[in-house]
């Protein structure tokens, strides 16, 4: 009952924050936070929102499969965040946008606008469902199965908890709850590391030396261009992952657009972009320490890397304190990403799809509907999941965010128009062609696509838009 009690206490704290921040709220409060958010609070909260429960569970276990190679992608993240801060944010603030996809309407036309928003809705719903699936499945496996609670009920209850504290204040509430949740998450992470070092009878210096000397701490791969872990594949993918999953994502950008000015939003973006690297290094270091602890105790490592941290933390092997800390950590990380996803999905549907941003009654109904669809996506993902969760997110991102990348690059880097009527077909065809190329390459060559599928997908969309422009010009 420790885990359940911890979650209930944590939720009550979030509900209290929600009541304090949601007074006199309206649609402008829900969608844009009245543009009054302090940049430093947004930056700190965004670290937790970007990390999510997936990072908390999956990243420590990645060392068992790909060592610390994930840091190569994280280094690319830094350049990606700077690109978002100084290329995309000025555009969004210049036009005073509520949703970033309305820029496509100004630049390319109504169908391009609807296409961009639709791909966001699909991408965000899918990615957020995968992330939240992590915390639900861990609760189910390590706690609720023993009480005979069915998995669908677990999912419904967790999503209802999130809906309750976001339904009134929206993005204004999330700026404050994210700050609280990020604090909880990093406190939990650091204290778990301290407890693991204690179990290994190591001080800080000894732990750092042991991690550096471990074979699993290798970061850079320069010797195998065919590998998915090759440096330039990972580094360049990291840049574009941030551009599309942050800069072209209404969920991530909505909080940045609540800052008082462009300059404050840029400071926010650069600050949490740099902070993302040491945060992930801590998670990977924890993974190496857990592998050492497993070797010391004679415990075999789990087949799935996602189960490495839960194997120790959720089962009480490190004591009840670590179980509580682990619960707080994954719930804080998962809630901070899922709550903002529901808010952003509601915002985009009301503003972009039905284009009724002032209808509060509609907004409340859409918020409920999005919560229901979110539950269905989580249940569907349980049926098809067969890979590392974080890897699954980036693979899906490559297909669903690729058209968004192509649309925005074409809009920003060219002054050309296109045939707006055909844009939806280009956006659907690009991922299909990308999938065909990946399948052919995997079957007939030794090359293995990684996250660079995202760049290929965006390039195909960009090419299609340019060819439509040429055809339109000659008609």
Protein backbone atom coordinates (compact mmCIF):
# COMPACT_ATOMS: atom_id res chain seq x y z
CA UNK A 1 0.00 0.00 0.00
CA UNK A 2 3.05 2.28 0.19
CA UNK A 3 2.97 3.10 -3.54
CA UNK A 4 -0.80 3.75 -3.59
CA UNK A 5 -0.61 5.99 -0.52
CA UNK A 6 2.28 7.93 -2.03
CA UNK A 7 0.36 8.56 -5.25
CA UNK A 8 -2.74 9.73 -3.38
CA UNK A 9 -0.74 12.18 -1.23
CA UNK A 10 1.07 13.45 -4.31
CA UNK A 11 -2.19 13.97 -6.18
CA UNK A 12 -3.69 15.93 -3.27
CA UNK A 13 -0.70 18.29 -3.41
CA UNK A 14 -1.28 18.82 -7.16
CA UNK A 15 -4.99 19.41 -6.62
CA UNK A 16 -4.21 22.07 -4.01
CA UNK A 17 -1.85 23.84 -6.42
CA UNK A 18 -4.53 23.66 -9.08
CA UNK A 19 -7.13 25.34 -6.86
CA UNK A 20 -4.71 28.11 -5.93
CA UNK A 21 -3.70 28.89 -9.53
CA UNK A 22 -7.01 28.39 -11.37
CA UNK A 23 -9.01 31.20 -9.79
CA UNK A 24 -10.83 33.45 -12.26
CA UNK A 25 -9.57 31.37 -15.16
CA UNK A 26 -10.90 31.70 -18.70
CA UNK A 27 -9.83 30.41 -22.12
CA UNK A 28 -6.90 32.84 -22.31
CA UNK A 29 -5.72 31.51 -18.94
CA UNK A 30 -6.17 27.90 -20.09
CA UNK A 31 -4.49 28.38 -23.50
CA UNK A 32 -1.80 31.04 -22.83
CA UNK A 33 -1.54 31.59 -19.07
CA UNK A 34 -2.34 35.28 -19.71
CA UNK A 35 1.30 35.60 -20.89
CA UNK A 36 2.48 36.25 -17.32
CA UNK A 37 4.71 33.23 -16.50
CA UNK A 38 8.19 33.88 -15.00
CA UNK A 39 10.76 32.47 -17.46
CA UNK A 40 12.85 30.74 -14.76
CA UNK A 41 9.82 28.80 -13.50
CA UNK A 42 8.93 27.73 -17.02
CA UNK A 43 12.55 26.64 -17.63
CA UNK A 44 12.77 24.58 -14.44
CA UNK A 45 9.36 22.98 -14.96
CA UNK A 46 10.15 22.19 -18.60
CA UNK A 47 13.07 19.99 -17.55
CA UNK A 48 10.64 17.68 -15.80
CA UNK A 49 8.07 17.89 -18.60
CA UNK A 50 10.72 17.01 -21.21
CA UNK A 51 12.11 14.10 -19.22
CA UNK A 52 8.84 12.27 -18.48
CA UNK A 53 8.37 8.89 -16.82
CA UNK A 54 9.96 7.21 -19.85
CA UNK A 55 13.33 8.75 -19.03
CA UNK A 56 13.00 7.85 -15.37
CA UNK A 57 12.43 4.19 -16.17
CA UNK A 58 14.01 3.55 -19.58
CA UNK A 59 17.22 5.61 -19.59
CA UNK A 60 18.94 3.85 -16.64
CA UNK A 61 18.26 0.52 -18.37
CA UNK A 62 19.69 1.70 -21.69
CA UNK A 63 23.24 1.07 -20.39
CA UNK A 64 22.57 -2.67 -20.53
CA UNK A 65 22.01 -2.50 -24.29
CA UNK A 66 23.80 0.54 -25.72
CA UNK A 67 26.09 1.69 -22.89
CA UNK A 68 25.96 5.50 -22.50
CA UNK A 69 25.63 6.11 -26.25
CA UNK A 70 22.38 7.99 -25.61
CA UNK A 71 24.51 10.95 -24.44
CA UNK A 72 25.48 11.51 -28.08
CA UNK A 73 21.83 12.27 -28.82
CA UNK A 74 21.62 14.49 -25.72
CA UNK A 75 24.59 16.56 -26.94
CA UNK A 76 22.67 17.15 -30.16
CA UNK A 77 19.73 18.30 -28.06
CA UNK A 78 21.69 21.41 -26.99
CA UNK A 79 22.05 22.70 -30.56
CA UNK A 80 18.42 21.82 -31.20
CA UNK A 81 17.22 23.94 -28.27
CA UNK A 82 19.30 26.90 -29.42
CA UNK A 83 17.84 26.54 -32.93
CA UNK A 84 14.31 26.59 -31.48
CA UNK A 85 15.14 29.63 -29.30
CA UNK A 86 16.59 31.79 -32.07
CA UNK A 87 14.80 30.56 -35.22
CA UNK A 88 11.30 29.42 -34.23
CA UNK A 89 10.46 31.43 -31.11
CA UNK A 90 10.93 34.82 -32.88
CA UNK A 91 8.41 33.73 -35.51
CA UNK A 92 5.86 32.59 -32.91
CA UNK A 93 6.15 35.80 -30.87
CA UNK A 94 6.12 38.02 -33.96
CA UNK A 95 2.64 36.78 -34.90
CA UNK A 96 1.41 36.50 -31.26
CA UNK A 97 0.34 32.90 -31.85
CA UNK A 98 -1.84 30.85 -29.52
CA UNK A 99 -1.00 27.66 -31.40
CA UNK A 100 2.12 27.40 -33.51
CA UNK A 101 0.33 25.70 -36.43
CA UNK A 102 -1.63 28.84 -37.26
CA UNK A 103 1.66 30.07 -38.77
CA UNK A 104 1.16 27.50 -41.55
CA UNK A 105 -2.19 29.11 -42.35
CA UNK A 106 -0.49 32.49 -42.80
CA UNK A 107 2.31 31.02 -44.87
CA UNK A 108 0.87 28.16 -46.97
CA UNK A 109 -2.90 28.02 -46.59
CA UNK A 110 -5.81 26.48 -44.74
CA UNK A 111 -5.21 22.84 -45.73
CA UNK A 112 -1.54 23.03 -44.77
CA UNK A 113 -2.62 24.50 -41.44
CA UNK A 114 -5.13 21.72 -40.79
CA UNK A 115 -2.61 19.09 -41.90
CA UNK A 116 0.04 20.36 -39.49
CA UNK A 117 -2.41 20.47 -36.57
CA UNK A 118 -3.76 17.00 -37.40
CA UNK A 119 -0.27 15.48 -37.46
CA UNK A 120 0.43 17.12 -34.10
CA UNK A 121 -2.74 15.65 -32.59
CA UNK A 122 -1.76 12.17 -33.82
CA UNK A 123 1.89 12.55 -32.78
CA UNK A 124 1.22 13.97 -29.34
CA UNK A 125 -1.57 11.58 -28.49
CA UNK A 126 0.63 8.63 -29.49
CA UNK A 127 3.80 9.85 -27.76
CA UNK A 128 2.02 10.91 -24.57
CA UNK A 129 0.21 7.56 -24.40
CA UNK A 130 3.52 5.71 -24.66
CA UNK A 131 5.04 7.83 -21.91
CA UNK A 132 2.13 7.45 -19.54
CA UNK A 133 1.93 3.74 -20.29
CA UNK A 134 5.22 3.40 -18.38
CA UNK A 135 3.89 4.47 -15.00
CA UNK A 136 0.62 2.58 -15.44
CA UNK A 137 2.30 -0.72 -16.35
CA UNK A 138 4.78 -0.45 -13.46
CA UNK A 139 1.99 0.18 -10.96
CA UNK A 140 0.09 -2.73 -12.44
CA UNK A 141 2.97 -5.19 -12.45
CA UNK A 142 4.49 -4.43 -9.07
CA UNK A 143 1.45 -3.40 -7.01
CA UNK A 144 -2.06 -3.69 -8.40
CA UNK A 145 -1.88 -7.21 -9.91
CA UNK A 146 -1.62 -8.53 -6.36
CA UNK A 147 -5.00 -6.93 -5.57
CA UNK A 148 -6.66 -8.18 -8.76
CA UNK A 149 -7.14 -4.67 -10.15
CA UNK A 150 -7.57 -4.80 -13.96
CA UNK A 151 -5.16 -2.75 -16.07
CA UNK A 152 -7.92 -0.70 -17.81
CA UNK A 153 -9.15 0.51 -14.39
CA UNK A 154 -5.60 1.56 -13.47
CA UNK A 155 -5.34 3.64 -16.64
CA UNK A 156 -8.76 5.24 -16.20
CA UNK A 157 -8.09 6.26 -12.59
CA UNK A 158 -4.67 7.75 -13.40
CA UNK A 159 -6.00 9.79 -16.33
CA UNK A 160 -8.97 11.02 -14.29
CA UNK A 161 -6.56 12.28 -11.62
CA UNK A 162 -4.72 14.33 -14.25
CA UNK A 163 -7.95 15.65 -15.77
CA UNK A 164 -9.15 16.84 -12.36
CA UNK A 165 -6.24 19.21 -11.70
CA UNK A 166 -5.90 20.53 -15.27
CA UNK A 167 -9.55 21.07 -16.20
CA UNK A 168 -9.81 24.68 -14.98
CA UNK A 169 -6.43 26.43 -15.01
CA UNK A 170 -4.90 24.68 -18.00
CA UNK A 171 -1.45 25.97 -18.93
CA UNK A 172 -1.31 28.48 -16.07
CA UNK A 173 -1.73 25.68 -13.55
CA UNK A 174 0.84 23.53 -15.34
CA UNK A 175 3.60 26.13 -15.05
CA UNK A 176 3.32 25.81 -11.26
CA UNK A 177 2.64 22.08 -11.01
CA UNK A 178 5.56 21.33 -13.37
CA UNK A 179 7.90 23.25 -11.07
CA UNK A 180 6.67 21.20 -8.11
CA UNK A 181 6.93 17.95 -10.07
CA UNK A 182 10.44 18.65 -11.37
CA UNK A 183 11.58 19.36 -7.80
CA UNK A 184 10.10 16.05 -6.64
CA UNK A 185 11.60 14.13 -9.53
CA UNK A 186 15.19 15.33 -9.09
CA UNK A 187 15.02 15.01 -5.31
CA UNK A 188 13.89 11.41 -5.79
CA UNK A 189 16.59 10.68 -8.39
CA UNK A 190 19.44 12.05 -6.27
CA UNK A 191 18.29 10.27 -3.12
CA UNK A 192 17.92 6.97 -5.02
CA UNK A 193 21.51 7.35 -6.30
CA UNK A 194 22.69 8.04 -2.73
CA UNK A 195 20.93 4.90 -1.50
CA UNK A 196 22.41 2.76 -4.29
CA UNK A 197 25.90 4.10 -3.50
CA UNK A 198 25.25 3.19 0.13
CA UNK A 199 24.31 -0.36 -0.87
CA UNK A 200 27.58 -0.54 -2.84
CA UNK A 201 29.48 0.98 0.11
CA UNK A 202 30.82 3.80 -2.09
CA UNK A 203 31.34 7.49 -1.53
CA UNK A 204 30.74 10.07 -4.26
CA UNK A 205 34.35 10.00 -5.49
CA UNK A 206 34.48 6.21 -5.52
CA UNK A 207 31.19 6.02 -7.42
CA UNK A 208 32.39 8.48 -10.07
CA UNK A 209 35.62 6.50 -10.55
CA UNK A 210 33.74 3.19 -10.71
CA UNK A 211 31.29 4.52 -13.31
CA UNK A 212 34.09 5.97 -15.45
CA UNK A 213 35.99 2.66 -15.36
CA UNK A 214 32.94 0.52 -16.20
CA UNK A 215 32.67 -0.75 -19.79
CA UNK A 216 29.05 0.40 -19.89
CA UNK A 217 30.08 4.05 -19.52
CA UNK A 218 31.32 4.38 -23.12
CA UNK A 219 29.63 7.38 -24.74
CA UNK A 220 31.10 7.87 -28.22
CA UNK A 221 30.93 5.51 -31.21
CA UNK A 222 33.01 6.70 -34.16
CA UNK A 223 34.20 3.36 -35.57
CA UNK A 224 31.01 1.89 -37.11
CA UNK A 225 28.99 4.10 -39.49
CA UNK A 226 26.54 1.23 -40.07
CA UNK A 227 25.57 1.08 -36.39
CA UNK A 228 22.51 2.85 -35.01
CA UNK A 229 24.80 4.15 -32.25
CA UNK A 230 27.23 5.87 -34.64
CA UNK A 231 28.03 9.37 -33.30
CA UNK A 232 26.92 11.50 -36.24
CA UNK A 233 23.64 9.60 -36.58
CA UNK A 234 22.85 10.12 -32.91
CA UNK A 235 24.11 13.72 -32.72
CA UNK A 236 22.29 15.00 -35.81
CA UNK A 237 19.17 13.08 -34.84
CA UNK A 238 19.28 14.77 -31.42
CA UNK A 239 19.21 18.21 -33.08
CA UNK A 240 16.19 17.38 -35.22
CA UNK A 241 14.39 15.48 -32.46
CA UNK A 242 14.40 18.66 -30.36
CA UNK A 243 13.36 20.85 -33.29
CA UNK A 244 10.30 18.70 -34.01
CA UNK A 245 9.41 17.32 -30.55
CA UNK A 246 9.87 20.71 -28.87
CA UNK A 247 9.97 23.50 -31.46
CA UNK A 248 7.16 22.11 -33.64
CA UNK A 249 5.17 20.64 -30.75
CA UNK A 250 2.30 22.70 -29.34
CA UNK A 251 2.64 20.89 -26.01
CA UNK A 252 6.24 21.98 -25.45
CA UNK A 253 5.91 25.44 -27.02
CA UNK A 254 2.64 26.36 -25.29
CA UNK A 255 4.45 26.83 -21.96
CA UNK A 256 7.22 28.87 -23.59
CA UNK A 257 4.59 31.11 -25.18
CA UNK A 258 3.27 32.00 -21.71
CA UNK A 259 6.45 34.00 -20.98
CA UNK A 260 6.11 37.79 -20.89
CA UNK A 261 8.43 38.48 -23.85
CA UNK A 262 10.49 36.81 -26.56
CA UNK A 263 13.72 37.48 -24.69
CA UNK A 264 12.43 35.75 -21.57
CA UNK A 265 11.20 32.79 -23.62
CA UNK A 266 14.66 32.48 -25.22
CA UNK A 267 16.36 32.51 -21.82
CA UNK A 268 13.95 29.82 -20.68
CA UNK A 269 14.63 27.64 -23.73
CA UNK A 270 18.44 27.88 -23.58
CA UNK A 271 18.53 27.27 -19.83
CA UNK A 272 16.58 24.05 -19.80
CA UNK A 273 18.19 22.92 -23.05
CA UNK A 274 21.62 22.92 -21.40
CA UNK A 275 20.25 21.38 -18.17
CA UNK A 276 18.92 18.39 -20.11
CA UNK A 277 22.45 16.94 -20.59
CA UNK A 278 23.53 16.60 -16.93
CA UNK A 279 20.02 15.36 -16.07
CA UNK A 280 20.31 12.44 -18.49
CA UNK A 281 23.90 11.77 -17.40
CA UNK A 282 22.56 11.24 -13.87
CA UNK A 283 20.00 8.71 -15.12
CA UNK A 284 22.61 6.77 -17.10
CA UNK A 285 25.02 6.83 -14.16
CA UNK A 286 22.28 5.37 -11.98
CA UNK A 287 21.91 2.58 -14.53
CA UNK A 288 25.62 1.68 -14.31
CA UNK A 289 25.46 1.68 -10.50
CA UNK A 290 22.42 -0.62 -10.56
CA UNK A 291 24.26 -3.04 -12.84
CA UNK A 292 27.14 -3.07 -10.34
CA UNK A 293 24.69 -3.72 -7.52
CA UNK A 294 23.11 -6.60 -9.43
CA UNK A 295 26.56 -8.14 -9.97
CA UNK A 296 27.40 -7.73 -6.27
CA UNK A 297 24.14 -9.41 -5.18
CA UNK A 298 24.33 -12.12 -7.83
CA UNK A 299 21.06 -10.89 -9.34
CA UNK A 300 20.65 -11.53 -13.10
CA UNK A 301 19.90 -8.43 -15.16
CA UNK A 302 16.38 -8.29 -16.61
CA UNK A 303 15.93 -8.99 -20.32
CA UNK A 304 14.17 -5.65 -20.84
CA UNK A 305 16.23 -2.61 -19.87
CA UNK A 306 13.03 -0.82 -18.82
CA UNK A 307 12.81 -3.21 -15.85
CA UNK A 308 16.28 -2.52 -14.38
CA UNK A 309 15.33 0.33 -12.03
CA UNK A 310 11.87 -1.05 -11.11
CA UNK A 311 13.49 -4.43 -10.30
CA UNK A 312 15.32 -2.79 -7.38
CA UNK A 313 13.19 0.22 -6.50
CA UNK A 314 9.59 -0.99 -6.83
CA UNK A 315 10.12 -4.36 -5.11
CA UNK A 316 11.60 -3.01 -1.89
CA UNK A 317 15.09 -4.46 -2.41
CA UNK A 318 16.60 -1.09 -1.45
CA UNK A 319 14.14 -0.42 1.37
CA UNK A 320 10.76 1.30 1.66
CA UNK A 321 12.27 4.79 1.35
CA UNK A 322 13.59 4.05 -2.13
CA UNK A 323 10.21 2.56 -3.08
CA UNK A 324 8.52 5.81 -2.06
CA UNK A 325 11.15 7.91 -3.84
CA UNK A 326 10.85 5.81 -7.00
CA UNK A 327 7.07 6.19 -6.96
CA UNK A 328 7.32 9.96 -6.52
CA UNK A 329 9.90 10.16 -9.31
CA UNK A 330 8.01 8.27 -11.99
CA UNK A 331 4.64 9.77 -11.06
CA UNK A 332 6.10 13.30 -11.08
CA UNK A 333 7.78 12.74 -14.43
CA UNK A 334 4.77 11.01 -15.98
CA UNK A 335 2.16 13.45 -14.69
CA UNK A 336 4.21 16.47 -15.84
CA UNK A 337 4.26 15.20 -19.42
CA UNK A 338 0.74 13.77 -19.57
CA UNK A 339 -0.99 16.80 -18.04
CA UNK A 340 0.59 19.22 -20.50
CA UNK A 341 -0.20 16.86 -23.38
CA UNK A 342 -3.92 16.88 -22.51
CA UNK A 343 -3.88 20.66 -22.27
CA UNK A 344 -2.06 21.09 -25.59
CA UNK A 345 -4.32 18.60 -27.38
CA UNK A 346 -7.37 20.47 -26.12
CA UNK A 347 -5.87 23.80 -27.18
CA UNK A 348 -4.95 22.64 -30.68
CA UNK A 349 -8.33 21.00 -31.32
CA UNK A 350 -10.30 24.07 -30.17
CA UNK A 351 -8.10 26.65 -31.89
CA UNK A 352 -6.82 24.80 -34.98
CA UNK A 353 -9.41 22.20 -35.93
CA UNK A 354 -12.79 23.69 -34.97
CA UNK A 355 -11.40 27.25 -34.71
CA UNK A 356 -13.52 28.34 -31.74
CA UNK A 357 -10.92 29.59 -29.20
CA UNK A 358 -13.43 31.66 -27.17
CA UNK A 359 -15.97 28.91 -26.52
CA UNK A 360 -15.39 27.81 -22.90
CA UNK A 361 -18.15 25.20 -22.98
CA UNK A 362 -16.58 23.57 -26.04
CA UNK A 363 -13.14 23.65 -24.40
CA UNK A 364 -14.41 21.77 -21.35
CA UNK A 365 -16.07 19.11 -23.51
CA UNK A 366 -12.98 18.67 -25.69
CA UNK A 367 -10.83 18.31 -22.57
CA UNK A 368 -13.01 15.41 -21.42
CA UNK A 369 -12.98 13.85 -24.90
CA UNK A 370 -9.19 14.06 -25.12
CA UNK A 371 -8.88 12.30 -21.76
CA UNK A 372 -11.09 9.46 -23.05
CA UNK A 373 -9.10 9.10 -26.28
CA UNK A 374 -5.89 9.19 -24.24
CA UNK A 375 -7.09 6.18 -22.23
CA UNK A 376 -7.89 4.28 -25.43
CA UNK A 377 -4.44 4.98 -26.90
CA UNK A 378 -2.70 3.72 -23.74
CA UNK A 379 -4.70 0.50 -23.81
CA UNK A 380 -3.93 0.04 -27.52
CA UNK A 381 -0.22 0.54 -26.96
CA UNK A 382 -0.17 -2.24 -24.37
CA UNK A 383 -1.32 -4.65 -27.05
CA UNK A 384 1.41 -3.78 -29.57
CA UNK A 385 4.44 -2.78 -27.46
CA UNK A 386 7.46 -5.01 -28.08
CA UNK A 387 10.48 -2.73 -27.76
CA UNK A 388 12.16 -0.33 -25.37
CA UNK A 389 9.65 2.41 -24.58
CA UNK A 390 11.98 5.34 -25.23
CA UNK A 391 13.10 3.78 -28.50
CA UNK A 392 9.46 3.27 -29.48
CA UNK A 393 8.74 6.96 -28.92
CA UNK A 394 11.57 8.11 -31.16
CA UNK A 395 10.68 5.61 -33.90
CA UNK A 396 7.06 6.81 -33.92
CA UNK A 397 8.30 10.39 -33.80
CA UNK A 398 10.28 9.76 -36.98
CA UNK A 399 7.08 8.91 -38.85
CA UNK A 400 4.54 11.27 -37.32
CA UNK A 401 6.66 14.39 -36.81
CA UNK A 402 8.50 14.13 -40.15
CA UNK A 403 5.76 15.88 -42.17
CA UNK A 404 5.66 18.69 -39.59
CA UNK A 405 9.42 19.12 -39.96
CA UNK A 406 9.10 19.35 -43.76
CA UNK A 407 6.19 21.80 -43.60
CA UNK A 408 7.94 24.21 -41.23
CA UNK A 409 11.34 24.04 -42.93
CA UNK A 410 9.71 24.81 -46.27
CA UNK A 411 7.73 27.67 -44.74
CA UNK A 412 10.70 29.20 -42.94
CA UNK A 413 13.53 28.69 -45.43
CA UNK A 414 11.72 29.58 -48.64
CA UNK A 415 9.43 32.37 -49.68
CA UNK A 416 7.64 30.12 -52.15
CA UNK A 417 4.04 29.07 -52.04
CA UNK A 418 2.76 25.61 -52.86
CA UNK A 419 -0.41 23.90 -54.01
CA UNK A 420 -2.25 23.91 -50.69
CA UNK A 421 -4.88 21.47 -51.95
CA UNK A 422 -2.31 18.67 -52.33
CA UNK A 423 -0.40 19.20 -49.06
CA UNK A 424 -2.37 16.57 -47.03
CA UNK A 425 -1.51 13.92 -49.63
CA UNK A 426 2.20 14.80 -49.52
CA UNK A 427 2.16 14.66 -45.72
CA UNK A 428 0.64 11.15 -45.76
CA UNK A 429 2.79 9.86 -48.64
CA UNK A 430 6.12 10.87 -47.05
CA UNK A 431 5.93 8.51 -44.04
CA UNK A 432 4.73 5.67 -46.29
CA UNK A 433 7.68 6.14 -48.66
CA UNK A 434 9.98 6.41 -45.64
CA UNK A 435 8.67 3.10 -44.27
CA UNK A 436 9.17 1.43 -47.65
CA UNK A 437 12.78 2.66 -47.84
CA UNK A 438 13.51 1.47 -44.31
CA UNK A 439 12.02 -1.97 -44.99
CA UNK A 440 13.96 -2.36 -48.24
CA UNK A 441 17.23 -1.26 -46.61
CA UNK A 442 16.78 -3.62 -43.66
CA UNK A 443 16.05 -6.54 -45.99
CA UNK A 444 18.77 -6.09 -48.60
CA UNK A 445 21.63 -4.19 -46.91
CA UNK A 446 23.57 -4.07 -43.64
CA UNK A 447 22.58 -0.46 -42.99
CA UNK A 448 20.19 0.14 -40.10
CA UNK A 449 18.19 3.33 -39.85
CA UNK A 450 18.03 4.97 -36.44
CA UNK A 451 16.42 8.22 -35.49
CA UNK A 452 17.68 9.72 -38.77
CA UNK A 453 14.41 8.45 -40.24
CA UNK A 454 13.02 11.73 -38.97
CA UNK A 455 15.34 13.73 -41.22
CA UNK A 456 14.55 11.52 -44.23
CA UNK A 457 10.81 11.91 -43.62
CA UNK A 458 11.12 15.69 -43.35
CA UNK A 459 13.24 15.82 -46.51
CA UNK A 460 10.63 13.84 -48.46
CA UNK A 461 7.88 16.22 -47.32
CA UNK A 462 9.99 19.27 -48.20
CA UNK A 463 10.75 17.82 -51.65
CA UNK A 464 7.08 17.12 -52.28
CA UNK A 465 6.11 20.70 -51.36
CA UNK A 466 8.81 22.09 -53.64
CA UNK A 467 7.71 19.91 -56.56
CA UNK A 468 4.12 21.08 -56.03
CA UNK A 469 5.39 24.67 -56.22
CA UNK A 470 7.17 23.99 -59.52
CA UNK A 471 4.12 22.26 -60.99
CA UNK A 472 1.85 25.08 -59.82
CA UNK A 473 4.14 27.69 -61.37
CA UNK A 474 4.08 26.01 -64.79
CA UNK A 475 0.32 25.57 -64.93
